[in-house]
């Protein structure tokens, strides 16, 4: 049976928070790799599993291709300048080389949380947050729901509509932040 999950409130990072993180990259090699992988996720929407398994042969020019096991489909995601700068020059790397040399998942999660704290991010830092952040940033930058759905590899548009609700709440907060006239 398919259990229908209630709409949960999706946490995501604002562009300012992503910038805050990028300005305080950890000093250790393992911390740097975790940071690069998380930021790459914020600019591509790749899942943790795809990020962990990503090899340089999957990067073709300014596009990354990967197999999404959950939906059993091949996905092609265009890479922004930021995403490309996070992985360096793929042509200079061994094709089968893993892009992000991260340690065990539990250690990576710990490093991610420490980085978030160090950067002053008050949200619960976890790898799926990068995927939520990508969806929200893309929609709030004018991307349409259908395109974002395709970029995330969702089979159902309804899955992506959760992010549209987040955008609506963000728009409401923005309008409510404007000083009001007493009329």
Foldseek 3Di string as FASTA:
>chain_A
DDDDDDLDQADADDVVLLVLLVVQQDDDLQSNLLNLLLNLCLQQLDAPVCLQQDFLLQCDPQWGWDQDPVLRDIAITGHDPSNDVSQDDSVPDDRNDRRRPHDDQVVSLVSQQVSCVVSVNPDRGDSNNSNLNNLLVCVLVPHDLVVSCRSNVHPDSVVSVSSVVVVVVVVVVVVVPDDDDDD
